[in-house]
Amino acid sequence: MMNYAADFARFCNLLHALRQQQMLLFHIFENNVVKF
């Protein structure tokens, strides 16, 4: 049970990191498009 909880927490942290990275890339892309 503890292992499942730890894996789930790790998975949630990974998803959160990926979502933050995706938002950052989207903002960079958006800023570049606005410049053009």
PDB file of N, CA and C in Angstrom:
ATOM      1  N   MET A   1       0.848  -1.202   0.000  1.00  0.00           N
ATOM      2  CA  MET A   1       0.000   0.000   0.000  1.00  0.00           C
ATOM      3  C   MET A   1       0.886   1.255   0.000  1.00  0.00           C
ATOM      4  N   MET A   2       1.903   1.243   0.841  1.00  0.00           N
ATOM      5  CA  MET A   2       2.804   2.393   0.900  1.00  0.00           C
ATOM      6  C   MET A   2       3.517   2.597  -0.440  1.00  0.00           C
ATOM      7  N   ASN A   3       3.880   1.497  -1.091  1.00  0.00           N
ATOM      8  CA  ASN A   3       4.558   1.612  -2.374  1.00  0.00           C
ATOM      9  C   ASN A   3       3.641   2.248  -3.410  1.00  0.00           C
ATOM     10  N   TYR A   4       2.392   1.852  -3.406  1.00  0.00           N
ATOM     11  CA  TYR A   4       1.451   2.438  -4.369  1.00  0.00           C
ATOM     12  C   TYR A   4       1.294   3.940  -4.128  1.00  0.00           C
ATOM     13  N   ALA A   5       1.226   4.339  -2.861  1.00  0.00           N
ATOM     14  CA  ALA A   5       1.079   5.755  -2.528  1.00  0.00           C
ATOM     15  C   ALA A   5       2.314   6.533  -2.975  1.00  0.00           C
ATOM     16  N   ALA A   6       3.482   5.962  -2.766  1.00  0.00           N
ATOM     17  CA  ALA A   6       4.722   6.638  -3.156  1.00  0.00           C
ATOM     18  C   ALA A   6       4.790   6.751  -4.676  1.00  0.00           C
ATOM     19  N   ASP A   7       4.434   5.682  -5.384  1.00  0.00           N
ATOM     20  CA  ASP A   7       4.455   5.718  -6.850  1.00  0.00           C
ATOM     21  C   ASP A   7       3.450   6.735  -7.376  1.00  0.00           C
ATOM     22  N   PHE A   8       2.283   6.798  -6.753  1.00  0.00           N
ATOM     23  CA  PHE A   8       1.253   7.738  -7.194  1.00  0.00           C
ATOM     24  C   PHE A   8       1.719   9.177  -6.984  1.00  0.00           C
ATOM     25  N   ALA A   9       2.349   9.439  -5.830  1.00  0.00           N
ATOM     26  CA  ALA A   9       2.867  10.784  -5.543  1.00  0.00           C
ATOM     27  C   ALA A   9       3.951  11.147  -6.547  1.00  0.00           C
ATOM     28  N   ARG A  10       4.824  10.188  -6.868  1.00  0.00           N
ATOM     29  CA  ARG A  10       5.897  10.431  -7.829  1.00  0.00           C
ATOM     30  C   ARG A  10       5.299  10.714  -9.212  1.00  0.00           C
ATOM     31  N   PHE A  11       4.260   9.956  -9.575  1.00  0.00           N
ATOM     32  CA  PHE A  11       3.596  10.139 -10.861  1.00  0.00           C
ATOM     33  C   PHE A  11       2.941  11.519 -10.933  1.00  0.00           C
ATOM     34  N   CYS A  12       2.297  11.942  -9.843  1.00  0.00           N
ATOM     35  CA  CYS A  12       1.656  13.264  -9.815  1.00  0.00           C
ATOM     36  C   CYS A  12       2.702  14.364  -9.940  1.00  0.00           C
ATOM     37  N   ASN A  13       3.838  14.202  -9.276  1.00  0.00           N
ATOM     38  CA  ASN A  13       4.909  15.193  -9.373  1.00  0.00           C
ATOM     39  C   ASN A  13       5.437  15.270 -10.797  1.00  0.00           C
ATOM     40  N   LEU A  14       5.541  14.108 -11.461  1.00  0.00           N
ATOM     41  CA  LEU A  14       6.020  14.078 -12.839  1.00  0.00           C
ATOM     42  C   LEU A  14       5.037  14.798 -13.752  1.00  0.00           C
ATOM     43  N   LEU A  15       3.746  14.527 -13.587  1.00  0.00           N
ATOM     44  CA  LEU A  15       2.741  15.190 -14.407  1.00  0.00           C
ATOM     45  C   LEU A  15       2.763  16.694 -14.183  1.00  0.00           C
ATOM     46  N   HIS A  16       2.924  17.112 -12.925  1.00  0.00           N
ATOM     47  CA  HIS A  16       2.954  18.537 -12.605  1.00  0.00           C
ATOM     48  C   HIS A  16       4.167  19.202 -13.269  1.00  0.00           C
ATOM     49  N   ALA A  17       5.320  18.528 -13.223  1.00  0.00           N
ATOM     50  CA  ALA A  17       6.532  19.075 -13.838  1.00  0.00           C
ATOM     51  C   ALA A  17       6.353  19.174 -15.354  1.00  0.00           C
ATOM     52  N   LEU A  18       5.760  18.146 -15.957  1.00  0.00           N
ATOM     53  CA  LEU A  18       5.539  18.169 -17.407  1.00  0.00           C
ATOM     54  C   LEU A  18       4.569  19.272 -17.787  1.00  0.00           C
ATOM     55  N   ARG A  19       3.531  19.468 -16.980  1.00  0.00           N
ATOM     56  CA  ARG A  19       2.547  20.499 -17.286  1.00  0.00           C
ATOM     57  C   ARG A  19       3.185  21.886 -17.168  1.00  0.00           C
ATOM     58  N   GLN A  20       4.027  22.087 -16.155  1.00  0.00           N
ATOM     59  CA  GLN A  20       4.719  23.377 -16.008  1.00  0.00           C
ATOM     60  C   GLN A  20       5.636  23.620 -17.195  1.00  0.00           C
ATOM     61  N   GLN A  21       6.347  22.571 -17.627  1.00  0.00           N
ATOM     62  CA  GLN A  21       7.264  22.714 -18.757  1.00  0.00           C
ATOM     63  C   GLN A  21       6.482  23.026 -20.026  1.00  0.00           C
ATOM     64  N   GLN A  22       5.331  22.367 -20.197  1.00  0.00           N
ATOM     65  CA  GLN A  22       4.515  22.595 -21.379  1.00  0.00           C
ATOM     66  C   GLN A  22       3.992  24.031 -21.395  1.00  0.00           C
ATOM     67  N   MET A  23       3.562  24.518 -20.230  1.00  0.00           N
ATOM     68  CA  MET A  23       3.068  25.898 -20.144  1.00  0.00           C
ATOM     69  C   MET A  23       4.194  26.873 -20.465  1.00  0.00           C
ATOM     70  N   LEU A  24       5.398  26.596 -19.974  1.00  0.00           N
ATOM     71  CA  LEU A  24       6.542  27.472 -20.235  1.00  0.00           C
ATOM     72  C   LEU A  24       6.847  27.514 -21.723  1.00  0.00           C
ATOM     73  N   LEU A  25       6.876  26.336 -22.362  1.00  0.00           N
ATOM     74  CA  LEU A  25       7.136  26.286 -23.798  1.00  0.00           C
ATOM     75  C   LEU A  25       6.040  26.999 -24.572  1.00  0.00           C
ATOM     76  N   PHE A  26       4.795  26.856 -24.134  1.00  0.00           N
ATOM     77  CA  PHE A  26       3.680  27.508 -24.806  1.00  0.00           C
ATOM     78  C   PHE A  26       3.815  29.027 -24.714  1.00  0.00           C
ATOM     79  N   HIS A  27       4.215  29.529 -23.537  1.00  0.00           N
ATOM     80  CA  HIS A  27       4.375  30.978 -23.372  1.00  0.00           C
ATOM     81  C   HIS A  27       5.512  31.497 -24.247  1.00  0.00           C
ATOM     82  N   ILE A  28       6.605  30.736 -24.338  1.00  0.00           N
ATOM     83  CA  ILE A  28       7.727  31.143 -25.196  1.00  0.00           C
ATOM     84  C   ILE A  28       7.266  31.169 -26.651  1.00  0.00           C
ATOM     85  N   PHE A  29       6.544  30.134 -27.072  1.00  0.00           N
ATOM     86  CA  PHE A  29       6.040  30.063 -28.441  1.00  0.00           C
ATOM     87  C   PHE A  29       5.076  31.210 -28.714  1.00  0.00           C
ATOM     88  N   GLU A  30       4.200  31.488 -27.758  1.00  0.00           N
ATOM     89  CA  GLU A  30       3.219  32.557 -27.903  1.00  0.00           C
ATOM     90  C   GLU A  30       3.928  33.915 -28.052  1.00  0.00           C
ATOM     91  N   ASN A  31       4.941  34.134 -27.233  1.00  0.00           N
ATOM     92  CA  ASN A  31       5.680  35.392 -27.306  1.00  0.00           C
ATOM     93  C   ASN A  31       6.390  35.533 -28.648  1.00  0.00           C
ATOM     94  N   ASN A  32       6.946  34.435 -29.157  1.00  0.00           N
ATOM     95  CA  ASN A  32       7.631  34.492 -30.451  1.00  0.00           C
ATOM     96  C   ASN A  32       6.646  34.765 -31.576  1.00  0.00           C
ATOM     97  N   VAL A  33       5.455  34.192 -31.504  1.00  0.00           N
ATOM     98  CA  VAL A  33       4.446  34.403 -32.544  1.00  0.00           C
ATOM     99  C   VAL A  33       3.978  35.860 -32.522  1.00  0.00           C
ATOM    100  N   VAL A  34       3.816  36.411 -31.323  1.00  0.00           N
ATOM    101  CA  VAL A  34       3.367  37.799 -31.209  1.00  0.00           C
ATOM    102  C   VAL A  34       4.412  38.745 -31.809  1.00  0.00           C
ATOM    103  N   LYS A  35       5.702  38.418 -31.640  1.00  0.00           N
ATOM    104  CA  LYS A  35       6.765  39.259 -32.183  1.00  0.00           C
ATOM    105  C   LYS A  35       6.673  39.324 -33.709  1.00  0.00           C
ATOM    106  N   PHE A  36       6.383  38.202 -34.335  1.00  0.00           N
ATOM    107  CA  PHE A  36       6.267  38.193 -35.792  1.00  0.00           C
ATOM    108  C   PHE A  36       4.983  38.906 -36.209  1.00  0.00           C
TER     109      PHE A  36
END
